[in-house]
PDB file of N, CA and C in Angstrom:
ATOM      1  N   MET A   1     249.299 106.529 133.749  1.00  0.00           N
ATOM      2  CA  MET A   1     248.073 106.207 134.462  1.00  0.00           C
ATOM      3  C   MET A   1     247.230 107.471 134.626  1.00  0.00           C
ATOM      4  N   ALA A   2     245.946 107.365 134.362  1.00  0.00           N
ATOM      5  CA  ALA A   2     245.060 108.528 134.391  1.00  0.00           C
ATOM      6  C   ALA A   2     244.748 108.926 135.833  1.00  0.00           C
ATOM      7  N   ARG A   3     244.604 110.231 136.032  1.00  0.00           N
ATOM      8  CA  ARG A   3     244.256 110.759 137.347  1.00  0.00           C
ATOM      9  C   ARG A   3     242.743 110.633 137.531  1.00  0.00           C
ATOM     10  N   ILE A   4     242.336 110.134 138.676  1.00  0.00           N
ATOM     11  CA  ILE A   4     240.910 109.965 138.951  1.00  0.00           C
ATOM     12  C   ILE A   4     240.383 111.257 139.563  1.00  0.00           C
ATOM     13  N   LYS A   5     239.312 111.746 139.009  1.00  0.00           N
ATOM     14  CA  LYS A   5     238.712 112.983 139.493  1.00  0.00           C
ATOM     15  C   LYS A   5     237.396 112.667 140.214  1.00  0.00           C
ATOM     16  N   GLY A   6     236.967 113.593 141.052  1.00  0.00           N
ATOM     17  CA  GLY A   6     235.797 113.327 141.897  1.00  0.00           C
ATOM     18  C   GLY A   6     234.512 113.963 141.409  1.00  0.00           C
ATOM     19  N   ALA A   7     234.453 114.301 140.126  1.00  0.00           N
ATOM     20  CA  ALA A   7     233.289 115.046 139.638  1.00  0.00           C
ATOM     21  C   ALA A   7     231.988 114.262 139.785  1.00  0.00           C
ATOM     22  N   VAL A   8     232.017 112.985 139.484  1.00  0.00           N
ATOM     23  CA  VAL A   8     230.802 112.170 139.537  1.00  0.00           C
ATOM     24  C   VAL A   8     230.297 112.068 140.976  1.00  0.00           C
ATOM     25  N   THR A   9     231.198 111.807 141.893  1.00  0.00           N
ATOM     26  CA  THR A   9     230.828 111.678 143.302  1.00  0.00           C
ATOM     27  C   THR A   9     230.306 112.997 143.855  1.00  0.00           C
ATOM     28  N   THR A  10     231.005 114.091 143.500  1.00  0.00           N
ATOM     29  CA  THR A  10     230.593 115.411 143.980  1.00  0.00           C
ATOM     30  C   THR A  10     229.213 115.774 143.452  1.00  0.00           C
ATOM     31  N   ARG A  11     228.969 115.537 142.184  1.00  0.00           N
ATOM     32  CA  ARG A  11     227.681 115.850 141.591  1.00  0.00           C
ATOM     33  C   ARG A  11     226.575 115.023 142.239  1.00  0.00           C
ATOM     34  N   LYS A  12     226.877 113.758 142.475  1.00  0.00           N
ATOM     35  CA  LYS A  12     225.903 112.860 143.103  1.00  0.00           C
ATOM     36  C   LYS A  12     225.534 113.362 144.509  1.00  0.00           C
ATOM     37  N   ARG A  13     226.553 113.769 145.268  1.00  0.00           N
ATOM     38  CA  ARG A  13     226.336 114.268 146.627  1.00  0.00           C
ATOM     39  C   ARG A  13     225.519 115.558 146.606  1.00  0.00           C
ATOM     40  N   ARG A  14     225.856 116.448 145.689  1.00  0.00           N
ATOM     41  CA  ARG A  14     225.146 117.730 145.611  1.00  0.00           C
ATOM     42  C   ARG A  14     223.701 117.546 145.155  1.00  0.00           C
ATOM     43  N   LYS A  15     223.489 116.637 144.214  1.00  0.00           N
ATOM     44  CA  LYS A  15     222.129 116.390 143.740  1.00  0.00           C
ATOM     45  C   LYS A  15     221.257 115.809 144.864  1.00  0.00           C
ATOM     46  N   LYS A  16     221.882 114.967 145.699  1.00  0.00           N
ATOM     47  CA  LYS A  16     221.156 114.370 146.820  1.00  0.00           C
ATOM     48  C   LYS A  16     220.689 115.457 147.795  1.00  0.00           C
ATOM     49  N   ILE A  17     221.580 116.401 148.113  1.00  0.00           N
ATOM     50  CA  ILE A  17     221.233 117.493 149.023  1.00  0.00           C
ATOM     51  C   ILE A  17     220.167 118.387 148.406  1.00  0.00           C
ATOM     52  N   LEU A  18     220.330 118.729 147.119  1.00  0.00           N
ATOM     53  CA  LEU A  18     219.361 119.604 146.459  1.00  0.00           C
ATOM     54  C   LEU A  18     217.989 118.925 146.333  1.00  0.00           C
ATOM     55  N   LYS A  19     217.993 117.611 146.203  1.00  0.00           N
ATOM     56  CA  LYS A  19     216.726 116.886 146.152  1.00  0.00           C
ATOM     57  C   LYS A  19     216.018 116.963 147.509  1.00  0.00           C
ATOM     58  N   LEU A  20     216.791 116.863 148.593  1.00  0.00           N
ATOM     59  CA  LEU A  20     216.218 116.994 149.936  1.00  0.00           C
ATOM     60  C   LEU A  20     215.704 118.414 150.194  1.00  0.00           C
ATOM     61  N   ALA A  21     216.334 119.404 149.529  1.00  0.00           N
ATOM     62  CA  ALA A  21     215.964 120.806 149.731  1.00  0.00           C
ATOM     63  C   ALA A  21     214.843 121.258 148.814  1.00  0.00           C
ATOM     64  N   LYS A  22     214.288 120.343 148.032  1.00  0.00           N
ATOM     65  CA  LYS A  22     213.218 120.709 147.109  1.00  0.00           C
ATOM     66  C   LYS A  22     212.028 121.257 147.895  1.00  0.00           C
ATOM     67  N   GLY A  23     211.521 122.403 147.468  1.00  0.00           N
ATOM     68  CA  GLY A  23     210.395 123.028 148.142  1.00  0.00           C
ATOM     69  C   GLY A  23     210.798 124.062 149.165  1.00  0.00           C
ATOM     70  N   PHE A  24     212.099 124.186 149.461  1.00  0.00           N
ATOM     71  CA  PHE A  24     212.551 125.218 150.374  1.00  0.00           C
ATOM     72  C   PHE A  24     212.457 126.569 149.677  1.00  0.00           C
ATOM     73  N   TYR A  25     212.412 127.643 150.457  1.00  0.00           N
ATOM     74  CA  TYR A  25     212.192 128.991 149.935  1.00  0.00           C
ATOM     75  C   TYR A  25     213.484 129.585 149.373  1.00  0.00           C
ATOM     76  N   GLY A  26     213.397 130.155 148.193  1.00  0.00           N
ATOM     77  CA  GLY A  26     214.485 130.947 147.613  1.00  0.00           C
ATOM     78  C   GLY A  26     215.745 130.156 147.338  1.00  0.00           C
ATOM     79  N   ALA A  27     216.884 130.761 147.710  1.00  0.00           N
ATOM     80  CA  ALA A  27     218.191 130.174 147.416  1.00  0.00           C
ATOM     81  C   ALA A  27     218.410 128.845 148.141  1.00  0.00           C
ATOM     82  N   LYS A  28     217.654 128.622 149.199  1.00  0.00           N
ATOM     83  CA  LYS A  28     217.813 127.380 149.969  1.00  0.00           C
ATOM     84  C   LYS A  28     217.470 126.138 149.164  1.00  0.00           C
ATOM     85  N   SER A  29     216.763 126.321 148.057  1.00  0.00           N
ATOM     86  CA  SER A  29     216.447 125.165 147.217  1.00  0.00           C
ATOM     87  C   SER A  29     217.280 125.133 145.943  1.00  0.00           C
ATOM     88  N   LYS A  30     218.094 126.179 145.702  1.00  0.00           N
ATOM     89  CA  LYS A  30     218.846 126.280 144.453  1.00  0.00           C
ATOM     90  C   LYS A  30     220.362 126.179 144.645  1.00  0.00           C
ATOM     91  N   GLN A  31     220.883 126.895 145.625  1.00  0.00           N
ATOM     92  CA  GLN A  31     222.331 126.947 145.821  1.00  0.00           C
ATOM     93  C   GLN A  31     222.759 125.870 146.807  1.00  0.00           C
ATOM     94  N   PHE A  32     223.855 125.186 146.454  1.00  0.00           N
ATOM     95  CA  PHE A  32     224.253 124.023 147.245  1.00  0.00           C
ATOM     96  C   PHE A  32     224.598 124.397 148.684  1.00  0.00           C
ATOM     97  N   ARG A  33     225.372 125.448 148.874  1.00  0.00           N
ATOM     98  CA  ARG A  33     225.865 125.747 150.220  1.00  0.00           C
ATOM     99  C   ARG A  33     224.711 126.107 151.165  1.00  0.00           C
ATOM    100  N   THR A  34     223.824 126.976 150.724  1.00  0.00           N
ATOM    101  CA  THR A  34     222.697 127.351 151.573  1.00  0.00           C
ATOM    102  C   THR A  34     221.717 126.181 151.720  1.00  0.00           C
ATOM    103  N   ALA A  35     221.566 125.410 150.660  1.00  0.00           N
ATOM    104  CA  ALA A  35     220.689 124.231 150.728  1.00  0.00           C
ATOM    105  C   ALA A  35     221.240 123.223 151.727  1.00  0.00           C
ATOM    106  N   ASN A  36     222.542 123.048 151.733  1.00  0.00           N
ATOM    107  CA  ASN A  36     223.175 122.099 152.642  1.00  0.00           C
ATOM    108  C   ASN A  36     222.929 122.503 154.091  1.00  0.00           C
ATOM    109  N   GLN A  37     223.065 123.796 154.396  1.00  0.00           N
ATOM    110  CA  GLN A  37     222.809 124.279 155.755  1.00  0.00           C
ATOM    111  C   GLN A  37     221.350 124.057 156.141  1.00  0.00           C
ATOM    112  N   ALA A  38     220.443 124.368 155.212  1.00  0.00           N
ATOM    113  CA  ALA A  38     219.017 124.222 155.497  1.00  0.00           C
ATOM    114  C   ALA A  38     218.630 122.755 155.689  1.00  0.00           C
ATOM    115  N   VAL A  39     219.214 121.878 154.877  1.00  0.00           N
ATOM    116  CA  VAL A  39     218.911 120.446 154.978  1.00  0.00           C
ATOM    117  C   VAL A  39     219.434 119.883 156.294  1.00  0.00           C
ATOM    118  N   MET A  40     220.654 120.275 156.688  1.00  0.00           N
ATOM    119  CA  MET A  40     221.206 119.792 157.959  1.00  0.00           C
ATOM    120  C   MET A  40     220.316 120.215 159.122  1.00  0.00           C
ATOM    121  N   ARG A  41     219.868 121.474 159.092  1.00  0.00           N
ATOM    122  CA  ARG A  41     218.998 121.958 160.156  1.00  0.00           C
ATOM    123  C   ARG A  41     217.656 121.226 160.132  1.00  0.00           C
ATOM    124  N   SER A  42     217.096 121.026 158.942  1.00  0.00           N
ATOM    125  CA  SER A  42     215.786 120.375 158.856  1.00  0.00           C
ATOM    126  C   SER A  42     215.858 118.922 159.310  1.00  0.00           C
ATOM    127  N   LEU A  43     216.948 118.232 159.005  1.00  0.00           N
ATOM    128  CA  LEU A  43     217.104 116.846 159.451  1.00  0.00           C
ATOM    129  C   LEU A  43     217.256 116.777 160.968  1.00  0.00           C
ATOM    130  N   THR A  44     217.948 117.768 161.546  1.00  0.00           N
ATOM    131  CA  THR A  44     218.077 117.834 163.000  1.00  0.00           C
ATOM    132  C   THR A  44     216.719 118.043 163.641  1.00  0.00           C
ATOM    133  N   ASN A  45     215.951 118.985 163.074  1.00  0.00           N
ATOM    134  CA  ASN A  45     214.622 119.261 163.622  1.00  0.00           C
ATOM    135  C   ASN A  45     213.687 118.069 163.452  1.00  0.00           C
ATOM    136  N   ALA A  46     213.821 117.346 162.350  1.00  0.00           N
ATOM    137  CA  ALA A  46     212.980 116.165 162.135  1.00  0.00           C
ATOM    138  C   ALA A  46     213.284 115.094 163.183  1.00  0.00           C
ATOM    139  N   TYR A  47     214.565 114.923 163.515  1.00  0.00           N
ATOM    140  CA  TYR A  47     214.964 113.952 164.527  1.00  0.00           C
ATOM    141  C   TYR A  47     214.384 114.336 165.884  1.00  0.00           C
ATOM    142  N   ILE A  48     214.519 115.615 166.230  1.00  0.00           N
ATOM    143  CA  ILE A  48     213.985 116.108 167.498  1.00  0.00           C
ATOM    144  C   ILE A  48     212.466 115.950 167.523  1.00  0.00           C
ATOM    145  N   GLY A  49     211.823 116.258 166.393  1.00  0.00           N
ATOM    146  CA  GLY A  49     210.367 116.185 166.302  1.00  0.00           C
ATOM    147  C   GLY A  49     209.826 114.788 166.507  1.00  0.00           C
ATOM    148  N   ARG A  50     210.578 113.781 166.058  1.00  0.00           N
ATOM    149  CA  ARG A  50     210.128 112.401 166.254  1.00  0.00           C
ATOM    150  C   ARG A  50     210.103 112.053 167.739  1.00  0.00           C
ATOM    151  N   LYS A  51     211.007 112.620 168.515  1.00  0.00           N
ATOM    152  CA  LYS A  51     211.008 112.392 169.967  1.00  0.00           C
ATOM    153  C   LYS A  51     209.878 113.178 170.631  1.00  0.00           C
ATOM    154  N   GLN A  52     209.671 114.431 170.178  1.00  0.00           N
ATOM    155  CA  GLN A  52     208.644 115.278 170.780  1.00  0.00           C
ATOM    156  C   GLN A  52     207.241 114.747 170.501  1.00  0.00           C
ATOM    157  N   LYS A  53     207.068 114.109 169.345  1.00  0.00           N
ATOM    158  CA  LYS A  53     205.758 113.573 168.985  1.00  0.00           C
ATOM    159  C   LYS A  53     205.291 112.545 170.018  1.00  0.00           C
ATOM    160  N   LYS A  54     206.209 111.729 170.499  1.00  0.00           N
ATOM    161  CA  LYS A  54     205.874 110.728 171.500  1.00  0.00           C
ATOM    162  C   LYS A  54     205.399 111.399 172.794  1.00  0.00           C
ATOM    163  N   ARG A  55     206.102 112.469 173.199  1.00  0.00           N
ATOM    164  CA  ARG A  55     205.706 113.200 174.403  1.00  0.00           C
ATOM    165  C   ARG A  55     204.342 113.847 174.235  1.00  0.00           C
ATOM    166  N   ASP A  56     204.147 114.458 173.069  1.00  0.00           N
ATOM    167  CA  ASP A  56     202.897 115.174 172.811  1.00  0.00           C
ATOM    168  C   ASP A  56     201.698 114.237 172.845  1.00  0.00           C
ATOM    169  N   PHE A  57     201.842 113.077 172.225  1.00  0.00           N
ATOM    170  CA  PHE A  57     200.726 112.136 172.205  1.00  0.00           C
ATOM    171  C   PHE A  57     200.443 111.579 173.593  1.00  0.00           C
ATOM    172  N   ARG A  58     201.487 111.269 174.362  1.00  0.00           N
ATOM    173  CA  ARG A  58     201.268 110.779 175.728  1.00  0.00           C
ATOM    174  C   ARG A  58     200.522 111.825 176.551  1.00  0.00           C
ATOM    175  N   SER A  59     200.906 113.078 176.386  1.00  0.00           N
ATOM    176  CA  SER A  59     200.237 114.172 177.085  1.00  0.00           C
ATOM    177  C   SER A  59     198.767 114.275 176.674  1.00  0.00           C
ATOM    178  N   LEU A  60     198.497 114.134 175.385  1.00  0.00           N
ATOM    179  CA  LEU A  60     197.121 114.173 174.877  1.00  0.00           C
ATOM    180  C   LEU A  60     196.289 113.035 175.458  1.00  0.00           C
ATOM    181  N   TRP A  61     196.868 111.826 175.481  1.00  0.00           N
ATOM    182  CA  TRP A  61     196.143 110.676 176.016  1.00  0.00           C
ATOM    183  C   TRP A  61     195.805 110.886 177.488  1.00  0.00           C
ATOM    184  N   ILE A  62     196.773 111.392 178.247  1.00  0.00           N
ATOM    185  CA  ILE A  62     196.557 111.616 179.676  1.00  0.00           C
ATOM    186  C   ILE A  62     195.465 112.659 179.887  1.00  0.00           C
ATOM    187  N   THR A  63     195.461 113.705 179.072  1.00  0.00           N
ATOM    188  CA  THR A  63     194.433 114.741 179.174  1.00  0.00           C
ATOM    189  C   THR A  63     193.050 114.165 178.905  1.00  0.00           C
ATOM    190  N   ARG A  64     192.941 113.327 177.880  1.00  0.00           N
ATOM    191  CA  ARG A  64     191.651 112.715 177.542  1.00  0.00           C
ATOM    192  C   ARG A  64     191.169 111.772 178.644  1.00  0.00           C
ATOM    193  N   ILE A  65     192.081 110.967 179.185  1.00  0.00           N
ATOM    194  CA  ILE A  65     191.714 110.042 180.262  1.00  0.00           C
ATOM    195  C   ILE A  65     191.284 110.831 181.491  1.00  0.00           C
ATOM    196  N   SER A  66     192.009 111.883 181.799  1.00  0.00           N
ATOM    197  CA  SER A  66     191.711 112.720 182.961  1.00  0.00           C
ATOM    198  C   SER A  66     190.334 113.357 182.842  1.00  0.00           C
ATOM    199  N   ALA A  67     190.005 113.851 181.650  1.00  0.00           N
ATOM    200  CA  ALA A  67     188.689 114.461 181.448  1.00  0.00           C
ATOM    201  C   ALA A  67     187.575 113.441 181.621  1.00  0.00           C
ATOM    202  N   ALA A  68     187.778 112.238 181.102  1.00  0.00           N
ATOM    203  CA  ALA A  68     186.766 111.189 181.244  1.00  0.00           C
ATOM    204  C   ALA A  68     186.645 110.738 182.697  1.00  0.00           C
ATOM    205  N   CYS A  69     187.762 110.725 183.420  1.00  0.00           N
ATOM    206  CA  CYS A  69     187.736 110.341 184.832  1.00  0.00           C
ATOM    207  C   CYS A  69     186.930 111.350 185.647  1.00  0.00           C
ATOM    208  N   LYS A  70     187.128 112.638 185.364  1.00  0.00           N
ATOM    209  CA  LYS A  70     186.403 113.673 186.104  1.00  0.00           C
ATOM    210  C   LYS A  70     184.902 113.567 185.882  1.00  0.00           C
ATOM    211  N   MET A  71     184.505 113.118 184.696  1.00  0.00           N
ATOM    212  CA  MET A  71     183.076 112.908 184.435  1.00  0.00           C
ATOM    213  C   MET A  71     182.522 111.743 185.244  1.00  0.00           C
ATOM    214  N   ASN A  72     183.422 110.843 185.691  1.00  0.00           N
ATOM    215  CA  ASN A  72     183.019 109.679 186.482  1.00  0.00           C
ATOM    216  C   ASN A  72     183.416 109.808 187.955  1.00  0.00           C
ATOM    217  N   ASP A  73     183.649 111.042 188.399  1.00  0.00           N
ATOM    218  CA  ASP A  73     183.907 111.351 189.820  1.00  0.00           C
ATOM    219  C   ASP A  73     185.132 110.642 190.408  1.00  0.00           C
ATOM    220  N   ILE A  74     186.220 110.658 189.662  1.00  0.00           N
ATOM    221  CA  ILE A  74     187.501 110.138 190.164  1.00  0.00           C
ATOM    222  C   ILE A  74     188.590 110.927 189.462  1.00  0.00           C
ATOM    223  N   ASN A  75     189.723 111.101 190.133  1.00  0.00           N
ATOM    224  CA  ASN A  75     190.795 111.820 189.433  1.00  0.00           C
ATOM    225  C   ASN A  75     191.738 110.838 188.733  1.00  0.00           C
ATOM    226  N   TYR A  76     192.591 111.373 187.896  1.00  0.00           N
ATOM    227  CA  TYR A  76     193.431 110.543 187.016  1.00  0.00           C
ATOM    228  C   TYR A  76     194.353 109.623 187.811  1.00  0.00           C
ATOM    229  N   SER A  77     195.021 110.184 188.821  1.00  0.00           N
ATOM    230  CA  SER A  77     196.018 109.385 189.538  1.00  0.00           C
ATOM    231  C   SER A  77     195.364 108.242 190.313  1.00  0.00           C
ATOM    232  N   GLN A  78     194.203 108.506 190.913  1.00  0.00           N
ATOM    233  CA  GLN A  78     193.495 107.433 191.622  1.00  0.00           C
ATOM    234  C   GLN A  78     193.021 106.365 190.645  1.00  0.00           C
ATOM    235  N   PHE A  79     192.555 106.802 189.480  1.00  0.00           N
ATOM    236  CA  PHE A  79     192.097 105.863 188.449  1.00  0.00           C
ATOM    237  C   PHE A  79     193.232 104.945 188.007  1.00  0.00           C
ATOM    238  N   MET A  80     194.387 105.521 187.706  1.00  0.00           N
ATOM    239  CA  MET A  80     195.529 104.719 187.250  1.00  0.00           C
ATOM    240  C   MET A  80     196.021 103.787 188.363  1.00  0.00           C
ATOM    241  N   ASN A  81     196.022 104.295 189.593  1.00  0.00           N
ATOM    242  CA  ASN A  81     196.439 103.472 190.729  1.00  0.00           C
ATOM    243  C   ASN A  81     195.468 102.307 190.925  1.00  0.00           C
ATOM    244  N   GLY A  82     194.175 102.586 190.795  1.00  0.00           N
ATOM    245  CA  GLY A  82     193.169 101.534 190.927  1.00  0.00           C
ATOM    246  C   GLY A  82     193.294 100.480 189.844  1.00  0.00           C
ATOM    247  N   LEU A  83     193.545 100.919 188.612  1.00  0.00           N
ATOM    248  CA  LEU A  83     193.722  99.947 187.517  1.00  0.00           C
ATOM    249  C   LEU A  83     194.937  99.059 187.764  1.00  0.00           C
ATOM    250  N   LYS A  84     196.016  99.677 188.252  1.00  0.00           N
ATOM    251  CA  LYS A  84     197.234  98.892 188.522  1.00  0.00           C
ATOM    252  C   LYS A  84     196.974  97.855 189.610  1.00  0.00           C
ATOM    253  N   LYS A  85     196.261  98.269 190.665  1.00  0.00           N
ATOM    254  CA  LYS A  85     195.956  97.341 191.760  1.00  0.00           C
ATOM    255  C   LYS A  85     194.980  96.245 191.321  1.00  0.00           C
ATOM    256  N   ALA A  86     194.099  96.584 190.382  1.00  0.00           N
ATOM    257  CA  ALA A  86     193.129  95.601 189.881  1.00  0.00           C
ATOM    258  C   ALA A  86     193.755  94.653 188.860  1.00  0.00           C
ATOM    259  N   GLY A  87     194.969  94.960 188.416  1.00  0.00           N
ATOM    260  CA  GLY A  87     195.649  94.096 187.449  1.00  0.00           C
ATOM    261  C   GLY A  87     195.234  94.335 186.012  1.00  0.00           C
ATOM    262  N   VAL A  88     194.675  95.506 185.740  1.00  0.00           N
ATOM    263  CA  VAL A  88     194.289  95.856 184.365  1.00  0.00           C
ATOM    264  C   VAL A  88     195.507  96.467 183.688  1.00  0.00           C
ATOM    265  N   THR A  89     195.945  95.863 182.584  1.00  0.00           N
ATOM    266  CA  THR A  89     197.162  96.329 181.915  1.00  0.00           C
ATOM    267  C   THR A  89     196.844  96.925 180.552  1.00  0.00           C
ATOM    268  N   LEU A  90     196.047  97.985 180.563  1.00  0.00           N
ATOM    269  CA  LEU A  90     195.775  98.731 179.327  1.00  0.00           C
ATOM    270  C   LEU A  90     196.694  99.946 179.293  1.00  0.00           C
ATOM    271  N   ASN A  91     197.274 100.196 178.133  1.00  0.00           N
ATOM    272  CA  ASN A  91     198.135 101.373 178.047  1.00  0.00           C
ATOM    273  C   ASN A  91     197.290 102.633 177.877  1.00  0.00           C
ATOM    274  N   ARG A  92     197.936 103.789 178.015  1.00  0.00           N
ATOM    275  CA  ARG A  92     197.224 105.062 177.979  1.00  0.00           C
ATOM    276  C   ARG A  92     196.591 105.336 176.623  1.00  0.00           C
ATOM    277  N   LYS A  93     197.224 104.873 175.565  1.00  0.00           N
ATOM    278  CA  LYS A  93     196.669 105.076 174.224  1.00  0.00           C
ATOM    279  C   LYS A  93     195.301 104.396 174.108  1.00  0.00           C
ATOM    280  N   MET A  94     195.220 103.148 174.559  1.00  0.00           N
ATOM    281  CA  MET A  94     193.964 102.404 174.475  1.00  0.00           C
ATOM    282  C   MET A  94     192.923 102.963 175.444  1.00  0.00           C
ATOM    283  N   LEU A  95     193.368 103.362 176.635  1.00  0.00           N
ATOM    284  CA  LEU A  95     192.436 103.960 177.595  1.00  0.00           C
ATOM    285  C   LEU A  95     191.829 105.243 177.040  1.00  0.00           C
ATOM    286  N   ALA A  96     192.646 106.060 176.378  1.00  0.00           N
ATOM    287  CA  ALA A  96     192.153 107.308 175.782  1.00  0.00           C
ATOM    288  C   ALA A  96     191.167 107.014 174.660  1.00  0.00           C
ATOM    289  N   GLU A  97     191.452 106.001 173.869  1.00  0.00           N
ATOM    290  CA  GLU A  97     190.550 105.629 172.777  1.00  0.00           C
ATOM    291  C   GLU A  97     189.205 105.142 173.326  1.00  0.00           C
ATOM    292  N   ILE A  98     189.248 104.348 174.394  1.00  0.00           N
ATOM    293  CA  ILE A  98     188.013 103.877 175.029  1.00  0.00           C
ATOM    294  C   ILE A  98     187.246 105.055 175.624  1.00  0.00           C
ATOM    295  N   ALA A  99     187.968 105.974 176.265  1.00  0.00           N
ATOM    296  CA  ALA A  99     187.330 107.141 176.882  1.00  0.00           C
ATOM    297  C   ALA A  99     186.602 107.995 175.858  1.00  0.00           C
ATOM    298  N   VAL A 100     187.170 108.111 174.657  1.00  0.00           N
ATOM    299  CA  VAL A 100     186.565 108.941 173.619  1.00  0.00           C
ATOM    300  C   VAL A 100     185.418 108.217 172.921  1.00  0.00           C
ATOM    301  N   SER A 101     185.620 106.953 172.586  1.00  0.00           N
ATOM    302  CA  SER A 101     184.655 106.264 171.723  1.00  0.00           C
ATOM    303  C   SER A 101     183.573 105.492 172.483  1.00  0.00           C
ATOM    304  N   ASP A 102     183.882 104.968 173.675  1.00  0.00           N
ATOM    305  CA  ASP A 102     182.921 104.099 174.366  1.00  0.00           C
ATOM    306  C   ASP A 102     182.884 104.449 175.855  1.00  0.00           C
ATOM    307  N   MET A 103     182.006 105.389 176.214  1.00  0.00           N
ATOM    308  CA  MET A 103     181.941 105.868 177.596  1.00  0.00           C
ATOM    309  C   MET A 103     181.447 104.797 178.574  1.00  0.00           C
ATOM    310  N   ASN A 104     180.587 103.912 178.105  1.00  0.00           N
ATOM    311  CA  ASN A 104     180.073 102.870 178.998  1.00  0.00           C
ATOM    312  C   ASN A 104     181.177 101.917 179.446  1.00  0.00           C
ATOM    313  N   SER A 105     182.043 101.522 178.510  1.00  0.00           N
ATOM    314  CA  SER A 105     183.166 100.645 178.862  1.00  0.00           C
ATOM    315  C   SER A 105     184.134 101.357 179.799  1.00  0.00           C
ATOM    316  N   PHE A 106     184.324 102.646 179.549  1.00  0.00           N
ATOM    317  CA  PHE A 106     185.227 103.408 180.418  1.00  0.00           C
ATOM    318  C   PHE A 106     184.643 103.508 181.829  1.00  0.00           C
ATOM    319  N   ALA A 107     183.327 103.686 181.915  1.00  0.00           N
ATOM    320  CA  ALA A 107     182.682 103.737 183.227  1.00  0.00           C
ATOM    321  C   ALA A 107     182.869 102.416 183.973  1.00  0.00           C
ATOM    322  N   ALA A 108     182.830 101.311 183.230  1.00  0.00           N
ATOM    323  CA  ALA A 108     183.061 100.001 183.844  1.00  0.00           C
ATOM    324  C   ALA A 108     184.493  99.891 184.363  1.00  0.00           C
ATOM    325  N   LEU A 109     185.439 100.436 183.592  1.00  0.00           N
ATOM    326  CA  LEU A 109     186.842 100.445 184.048  1.00  0.00           C
ATOM    327  C   LEU A 109     186.994 101.298 185.304  1.00  0.00           C
ATOM    328  N   VAL A 110     186.276 102.413 185.367  1.00  0.00           N
ATOM    329  CA  VAL A 110     186.333 103.286 186.549  1.00  0.00           C
ATOM    330  C   VAL A 110     185.811 102.531 187.765  1.00  0.00           C
ATOM    331  N   GLU A 111     184.714 101.804 187.594  1.00  0.00           N
ATOM    332  CA  GLU A 111     184.169 101.020 188.707  1.00  0.00           C
ATOM    333  C   GLU A 111     185.154  99.952 189.163  1.00  0.00           C
ATOM    334  N   THR A 112     185.830  99.321 188.209  1.00  0.00           N
ATOM    335  CA  THR A 112     186.854  98.327 188.558  1.00  0.00           C
ATOM    336  C   THR A 112     187.971  98.960 189.352  1.00  0.00           C
ATOM    337  N   ALA A 113     188.378 100.159 188.939  1.00  0.00           N
ATOM    338  CA  ALA A 113     189.450 100.873 189.632  1.00  0.00           C
ATOM    339  C   ALA A 113     189.013 101.294 191.039  1.00  0.00           C
ATOM    340  N   LYS A 114     187.769 101.749 191.159  1.00  0.00           N
ATOM    341  CA  LYS A 114     187.269 102.182 192.474  1.00  0.00           C
ATOM    342  C   LYS A 114     187.186 101.009 193.444  1.00  0.00           C
ATOM    343  N   LYS A 115     186.789  99.834 192.947  1.00  0.00           N
ATOM    344  CA  LYS A 115     186.694  98.657 193.821  1.00  0.00           C
ATOM    345  C   LYS A 115     188.073  98.209 194.308  1.00  0.00           C
ATOM    346  N   ALA A 116     189.076  98.383 193.476  1.00  0.00           N
ATOM    347  CA  ALA A 116     190.435  97.933 193.830  1.00  0.00           C
ATOM    348  C   ALA A 116     191.099  98.846 194.841  1.00  0.00           C
ATOM    349  N   LEU A 117     190.604 100.077 194.967  1.00  0.00           N
ATOM    350  CA  LEU A 117     191.228 101.019 195.918  1.00  0.00           C
ATOM    351  C   LEU A 117     190.848 100.727 197.345  1.00  0.00           C
TER     352      LEU A 117
END
């Protein structure tokens, strides 16, 4: 009975890692061992980055809403509290988009929030 060797599987695994390392600088894109370390680190950072992106965008939306609120003589926390009491269920992403693109509609939302307080 013939002995089964792992050359095909090993080559397949190494090619997969080297394909992921394409575009890396120097030996990190050529040598398997250094490429493997770089790919593991890059995949870890990509995972972390997907979580951080959500935080970053929420922070951006809040900043935009806050700036628009200050232009309408109300602060962010009072505005959000007023919207909640008025029963307006717009998320921060949509509120930020309205604040940037349509100031008149945002002013109407501010008035709704002020009346509910």
